[in-house]
PDB file of N, CA and C in Angstrom:
ATOM      1  N   UNK A   1      -6.630  32.468  -4.895  1.00  0.00           N
ATOM      2  CA  UNK A   1      -6.159  31.199  -5.385  1.00  0.00           C
ATOM      3  C   UNK A   1      -5.621  30.413  -4.186  1.00  0.00           C
ATOM      4  N   UNK A   2      -6.047  29.181  -4.061  1.00  0.00           N
ATOM      5  CA  UNK A   2      -5.569  28.322  -2.989  1.00  0.00           C
ATOM      6  C   UNK A   2      -4.301  27.603  -3.422  1.00  0.00           C
ATOM      7  N   UNK A   3      -3.344  27.488  -2.504  1.00  0.00           N
ATOM      8  CA  UNK A   3      -2.111  26.746  -2.750  1.00  0.00           C
ATOM      9  C   UNK A   3      -1.802  25.898  -1.519  1.00  0.00           C
ATOM     10  N   UNK A   4      -1.059  24.827  -1.731  1.00  0.00           N
ATOM     11  CA  UNK A   4      -0.595  23.969  -0.651  1.00  0.00           C
ATOM     12  C   UNK A   4       0.848  24.365  -0.333  1.00  0.00           C
ATOM     13  N   UNK A   5       1.133  24.659   0.926  1.00  0.00           N
ATOM     14  CA  UNK A   5       2.476  25.051   1.344  1.00  0.00           C
ATOM     15  C   UNK A   5       3.192  23.847   1.932  1.00  0.00           C
ATOM     16  N   UNK A   6       4.341  23.523   1.369  1.00  0.00           N
ATOM     17  CA  UNK A   6       5.196  22.465   1.891  1.00  0.00           C
ATOM     18  C   UNK A   6       6.437  23.152   2.466  1.00  0.00           C
ATOM     19  N   UNK A   7       7.394  22.413   2.961  1.00  0.00           N
ATOM     20  CA  UNK A   7       8.595  23.007   3.558  1.00  0.00           C
ATOM     21  C   UNK A   7       9.269  24.005   2.624  1.00  0.00           C
ATOM     22  N   UNK A   8       9.543  23.588   1.403  1.00  0.00           N
ATOM     23  CA  UNK A   8      10.235  24.467   0.459  1.00  0.00           C
ATOM     24  C   UNK A   8       9.543  24.509  -0.894  1.00  0.00           C
ATOM     25  N   UNK A   9       8.248  24.219  -0.926  1.00  0.00           N
ATOM     26  CA  UNK A   9       7.494  24.198  -2.175  1.00  0.00           C
ATOM     27  C   UNK A   9       6.121  24.808  -1.988  1.00  0.00           C
ATOM     28  N   UNK A  10       5.609  25.307  -3.089  1.00  0.00           N
ATOM     29  CA  UNK A  10       4.210  25.721  -3.165  1.00  0.00           C
ATOM     30  C   UNK A  10       3.590  24.883  -4.273  1.00  0.00           C
ATOM     31  N   UNK A  11       2.567  24.123  -3.934  1.00  0.00           N
ATOM     32  CA  UNK A  11       1.938  23.221  -4.894  1.00  0.00           C
ATOM     33  C   UNK A  11       0.506  23.623  -5.160  1.00  0.00           C
ATOM     34  N   UNK A  12       0.023  23.406  -6.382  1.00  0.00           N
ATOM     35  CA  UNK A  12      -1.402  23.617  -6.632  1.00  0.00           C
ATOM     36  C   UNK A  12      -2.203  22.516  -5.945  1.00  0.00           C
ATOM     37  N   UNK A  13      -3.401  22.816  -5.474  1.00  0.00           N
ATOM     38  CA  UNK A  13      -4.194  21.826  -4.743  1.00  0.00           C
ATOM     39  C   UNK A  13      -4.480  20.549  -5.533  1.00  0.00           C
ATOM     40  N   UNK A  14      -4.574  20.620  -6.847  1.00  0.00           N
ATOM     41  CA  UNK A  14      -4.896  19.418  -7.618  1.00  0.00           C
ATOM     42  C   UNK A  14      -3.811  18.344  -7.490  1.00  0.00           C
ATOM     43  N   UNK A  15      -2.574  18.711  -7.118  1.00  0.00           N
ATOM     44  CA  UNK A  15      -1.512  17.720  -6.931  1.00  0.00           C
ATOM     45  C   UNK A  15      -1.682  16.946  -5.625  1.00  0.00           C
ATOM     46  N   UNK A  16      -2.370  17.529  -4.660  1.00  0.00           N
ATOM     47  CA  UNK A  16      -2.513  16.911  -3.350  1.00  0.00           C
ATOM     48  C   UNK A  16      -3.948  16.437  -3.100  1.00  0.00           C
ATOM     49  N   UNK A  17      -4.911  17.255  -3.459  1.00  0.00           N
ATOM     50  CA  UNK A  17      -6.298  17.029  -3.055  1.00  0.00           C
ATOM     51  C   UNK A  17      -7.038  15.966  -3.864  1.00  0.00           C
ATOM     52  N   UNK A  18      -6.575  15.628  -5.036  1.00  0.00           N
ATOM     53  CA  UNK A  18      -7.303  14.667  -5.868  1.00  0.00           C
ATOM     54  C   UNK A  18      -7.497  13.326  -5.181  1.00  0.00           C
ATOM     55  N   UNK A  19      -6.580  12.931  -4.315  1.00  0.00           N
ATOM     56  CA  UNK A  19      -6.693  11.642  -3.635  1.00  0.00           C
ATOM     57  C   UNK A  19      -7.305  11.757  -2.246  1.00  0.00           C
ATOM     58  N   UNK A  20      -7.665  12.958  -1.835  1.00  0.00           N
ATOM     59  CA  UNK A  20      -8.220  13.174  -0.501  1.00  0.00           C
ATOM     60  C   UNK A  20      -9.720  12.864  -0.488  1.00  0.00           C
ATOM     61  N   UNK A  21     -10.154  12.138   0.521  1.00  0.00           N
ATOM     62  CA  UNK A  21     -11.575  11.807   0.655  1.00  0.00           C
ATOM     63  C   UNK A  21     -12.416  13.029   1.012  1.00  0.00           C
ATOM     64  N   UNK A  22     -11.791  14.069   1.534  1.00  0.00           N
ATOM     65  CA  UNK A  22     -12.512  15.285   1.919  1.00  0.00           C
ATOM     66  C   UNK A  22     -12.669  16.273   0.764  1.00  0.00           C
ATOM     67  N   UNK A  23     -11.986  16.042  -0.359  1.00  0.00           N
ATOM     68  CA  UNK A  23     -12.041  16.957  -1.510  1.00  0.00           C
ATOM     69  C   UNK A  23     -13.430  16.912  -2.155  1.00  0.00           C
ATOM     70  N   UNK A  24     -13.731  17.939  -2.939  1.00  0.00           N
ATOM     71  CA  UNK A  24     -15.005  17.939  -3.653  1.00  0.00           C
ATOM     72  C   UNK A  24     -14.927  16.997  -4.862  1.00  0.00           C
ATOM     73  N   UNK A  25     -15.986  16.935  -5.639  1.00  0.00           N
ATOM     74  CA  UNK A  25     -16.066  15.993  -6.763  1.00  0.00           C
ATOM     75  C   UNK A  25     -15.015  16.246  -7.835  1.00  0.00           C
ATOM     76  N   UNK A  26     -14.516  17.467  -7.913  1.00  0.00           N
ATOM     77  CA  UNK A  26     -13.505  17.789  -8.924  1.00  0.00           C
ATOM     78  C   UNK A  26     -12.074  17.648  -8.384  1.00  0.00           C
ATOM     79  N   UNK A  27     -11.920  17.142  -7.158  1.00  0.00           N
ATOM     80  CA  UNK A  27     -10.593  16.961  -6.580  1.00  0.00           C
ATOM     81  C   UNK A  27      -9.982  18.228  -6.034  1.00  0.00           C
ATOM     82  N   UNK A  28     -10.804  19.205  -5.727  1.00  0.00           N
ATOM     83  CA  UNK A  28     -10.347  20.481  -5.176  1.00  0.00           C
ATOM     84  C   UNK A  28     -10.733  20.574  -3.705  1.00  0.00           C
ATOM     85  N   UNK A  29     -10.027  21.409  -2.936  1.00  0.00           N
ATOM     86  CA  UNK A  29     -10.417  21.615  -1.532  1.00  0.00           C
ATOM     87  C   UNK A  29     -11.838  22.164  -1.446  1.00  0.00           C
ATOM     88  N   UNK A  30     -12.499  21.855  -0.385  1.00  0.00           N
ATOM     89  CA  UNK A  30     -13.874  22.352  -0.180  1.00  0.00           C
ATOM     90  C   UNK A  30     -13.818  23.803   0.303  1.00  0.00           C
ATOM     91  N   UNK A  31     -13.719  24.729  -0.635  1.00  0.00           N
ATOM     92  CA  UNK A  31     -13.622  26.170  -0.360  1.00  0.00           C
ATOM     93  C   UNK A  31     -14.999  26.759  -0.574  1.00  0.00           C
ATOM     94  N   UNK A  32     -15.574  27.349   0.468  1.00  0.00           N
ATOM     95  CA  UNK A  32     -16.931  27.873   0.368  1.00  0.00           C
ATOM     96  C   UNK A  32     -17.048  29.148   1.186  1.00  0.00           C
ATOM     97  N   UNK A  33     -17.535  30.188   0.559  1.00  0.00           N
ATOM     98  CA  UNK A  33     -17.767  31.476   1.210  1.00  0.00           C
ATOM     99  C   UNK A  33     -16.532  31.982   1.955  1.00  0.00           C
ATOM    100  N   UNK A  34     -15.354  31.843   1.317  1.00  0.00           N
ATOM    101  CA  UNK A  34     -14.126  32.375   1.881  1.00  0.00           C
ATOM    102  C   UNK A  34     -13.508  31.556   2.999  1.00  0.00           C
ATOM    103  N   UNK A  35     -13.958  30.302   3.174  1.00  0.00           N
ATOM    104  CA  UNK A  35     -13.399  29.448   4.218  1.00  0.00           C
ATOM    105  C   UNK A  35     -13.138  28.056   3.670  1.00  0.00           C
ATOM    106  N   UNK A  36     -12.114  27.417   4.217  1.00  0.00           N
ATOM    107  CA  UNK A  36     -11.805  26.037   3.862  1.00  0.00           C
ATOM    108  C   UNK A  36     -12.671  25.131   4.719  1.00  0.00           C
ATOM    109  N   UNK A  37     -13.598  24.425   4.103  1.00  0.00           N
ATOM    110  CA  UNK A  37     -14.540  23.573   4.841  1.00  0.00           C
ATOM    111  C   UNK A  37     -13.941  22.228   5.243  1.00  0.00           C
ATOM    112  N   UNK A  38     -12.816  21.852   4.643  1.00  0.00           N
ATOM    113  CA  UNK A  38     -12.193  20.568   4.970  1.00  0.00           C
ATOM    114  C   UNK A  38     -10.940  20.784   5.822  1.00  0.00           C
ATOM    115  N   UNK A  39     -10.936  21.872   6.609  1.00  0.00           N
ATOM    116  CA  UNK A  39      -9.799  22.166   7.465  1.00  0.00           C
ATOM    117  C   UNK A  39     -10.154  23.208   8.503  1.00  0.00           C
ATOM    118  N   UNK A  40      -9.129  23.671   9.197  1.00  0.00           N
ATOM    119  CA  UNK A  40      -9.360  24.685  10.236  1.00  0.00           C
ATOM    120  C   UNK A  40      -8.444  25.877   9.999  1.00  0.00           C
ATOM    121  N   UNK A  41      -8.907  27.042  10.373  1.00  0.00           N
ATOM    122  CA  UNK A  41      -8.127  28.273  10.206  1.00  0.00           C
ATOM    123  C   UNK A  41      -6.967  28.296  11.198  1.00  0.00           C
ATOM    124  N   UNK A  42      -5.833  28.832  10.744  1.00  0.00           N
ATOM    125  CA  UNK A  42      -4.654  28.994  11.593  1.00  0.00           C
ATOM    126  C   UNK A  42      -4.442  30.475  11.883  1.00  0.00           C
ATOM    127  N   UNK A  43      -3.930  30.777  13.043  1.00  0.00           N
ATOM    128  CA  UNK A  43      -3.592  32.157  13.381  1.00  0.00           C
ATOM    129  C   UNK A  43      -2.275  32.510  12.700  1.00  0.00           C
ATOM    130  N   UNK A  44      -2.276  33.603  11.950  1.00  0.00           N
ATOM    131  CA  UNK A  44      -1.068  34.056  11.250  1.00  0.00           C
ATOM    132  C   UNK A  44      -0.891  35.546  11.474  1.00  0.00           C
ATOM    133  N   UNK A  45       0.293  36.057  11.143  1.00  0.00           N
ATOM    134  CA  UNK A  45       0.569  37.491  11.246  1.00  0.00           C
ATOM    135  C   UNK A  45      -0.263  38.252  10.233  1.00  0.00           C
ATOM    136  N   UNK A  46      -0.410  39.545  10.462  1.00  0.00           N
ATOM    137  CA  UNK A  46      -1.198  40.387   9.561  1.00  0.00           C
ATOM    138  C   UNK A  46      -0.619  40.457   8.155  1.00  0.00           C
ATOM    139  N   UNK A  47       0.694  40.291   8.015  1.00  0.00           N
ATOM    140  CA  UNK A  47       1.318  40.415   6.699  1.00  0.00           C
ATOM    141  C   UNK A  47       1.354  39.089   5.937  1.00  0.00           C
ATOM    142  N   UNK A  48       0.743  38.033   6.478  1.00  0.00           N
ATOM    143  CA  UNK A  48       0.691  36.736   5.805  1.00  0.00           C
ATOM    144  C   UNK A  48      -0.713  36.480   5.270  1.00  0.00           C
ATOM    145  N   UNK A  49      -0.808  35.683   4.205  1.00  0.00           N
ATOM    146  CA  UNK A  49      -2.141  35.349   3.684  1.00  0.00           C
ATOM    147  C   UNK A  49      -2.889  34.419   4.648  1.00  0.00           C
ATOM    148  N   UNK A  50      -4.204  34.344   4.484  1.00  0.00           N
ATOM    149  CA  UNK A  50      -5.001  33.414   5.278  1.00  0.00           C
ATOM    150  C   UNK A  50      -4.436  32.008   5.110  1.00  0.00           C
ATOM    151  N   UNK A  51      -4.324  31.277   6.226  1.00  0.00           N
ATOM    152  CA  UNK A  51      -3.800  29.918   6.158  1.00  0.00           C
ATOM    153  C   UNK A  51      -4.698  28.980   6.944  1.00  0.00           C
ATOM    154  N   UNK A  52      -4.752  27.755   6.449  1.00  0.00           N
ATOM    155  CA  UNK A  52      -5.579  26.715   7.041  1.00  0.00           C
ATOM    156  C   UNK A  52      -4.775  25.433   7.135  1.00  0.00           C
ATOM    157  N   UNK A  53      -5.181  24.548   8.023  1.00  0.00           N
ATOM    158  CA  UNK A  53      -4.622  23.205   8.054  1.00  0.00           C
ATOM    159  C   UNK A  53      -5.745  22.255   7.660  1.00  0.00           C
ATOM    160  N   UNK A  54      -5.509  21.500   6.597  1.00  0.00           N
ATOM    161  CA  UNK A  54      -6.546  20.594   6.122  1.00  0.00           C
ATOM    162  C   UNK A  54      -6.595  19.339   6.975  1.00  0.00           C
ATOM    163  N   UNK A  55      -7.614  18.526   6.780  1.00  0.00           N
ATOM    164  CA  UNK A  55      -7.790  17.285   7.529  1.00  0.00           C
ATOM    165  C   UNK A  55      -6.614  16.328   7.354  1.00  0.00           C
ATOM    166  N   UNK A  56      -5.929  16.403   6.224  1.00  0.00           N
ATOM    167  CA  UNK A  56      -4.803  15.523   5.943  1.00  0.00           C
ATOM    168  C   UNK A  56      -3.491  16.060   6.530  1.00  0.00           C
ATOM    169  N   UNK A  57      -3.510  17.281   7.120  1.00  0.00           N
ATOM    170  CA  UNK A  57      -2.331  17.837   7.764  1.00  0.00           C
ATOM    171  C   UNK A  57      -1.530  18.806   6.911  1.00  0.00           C
ATOM    172  N   UNK A  58      -1.993  19.083   5.701  1.00  0.00           N
ATOM    173  CA  UNK A  58      -1.285  20.023   4.832  1.00  0.00           C
ATOM    174  C   UNK A  58      -1.698  21.450   5.173  1.00  0.00           C
ATOM    175  N   UNK A  59      -0.784  22.381   4.948  1.00  0.00           N
ATOM    176  CA  UNK A  59      -1.092  23.798   5.151  1.00  0.00           C
ATOM    177  C   UNK A  59      -1.571  24.378   3.818  1.00  0.00           C
ATOM    178  N   UNK A  60      -2.718  25.018   3.860  1.00  0.00           N
ATOM    179  CA  UNK A  60      -3.347  25.606   2.680  1.00  0.00           C
ATOM    180  C   UNK A  60      -3.386  27.111   2.880  1.00  0.00           C
ATOM    181  N   UNK A  61      -2.956  27.870   1.862  1.00  0.00           N
ATOM    182  CA  UNK A  61      -2.975  29.329   1.939  1.00  0.00           C
ATOM    183  C   UNK A  61      -3.859  29.884   0.833  1.00  0.00           C
ATOM    184  N   UNK A  62      -4.531  30.981   1.142  1.00  0.00           N
ATOM    185  CA  UNK A  62      -5.341  31.688   0.167  1.00  0.00           C
ATOM    186  C   UNK A  62      -4.538  32.885  -0.313  1.00  0.00           C
ATOM    187  N   UNK A  63      -3.965  32.757  -1.516  1.00  0.00           N
ATOM    188  CA  UNK A  63      -3.131  33.806  -2.100  1.00  0.00           C
ATOM    189  C   UNK A  63      -3.987  34.621  -3.069  1.00  0.00           C
ATOM    190  N   UNK A  64      -3.999  35.927  -2.867  1.00  0.00           N
ATOM    191  CA  UNK A  64      -4.786  36.780  -3.778  1.00  0.00           C
ATOM    192  C   UNK A  64      -3.868  37.598  -4.646  1.00  0.00           C
TER     193      UNK A  64
END
């Protein structure tokens, strides 16, 4: 499940991505084959979930 990480909040992508020009037709991040296509991967510790920075500057995490 993808989530948007803010300073002290975790938001579902539909609250942020619906207005993004890079989002897919349903207003969701472009997640394909285990990678965020509308952002870049960030280096994180082994005990943290995969994290990405989207084109709009938000941090996106893949929580399983």
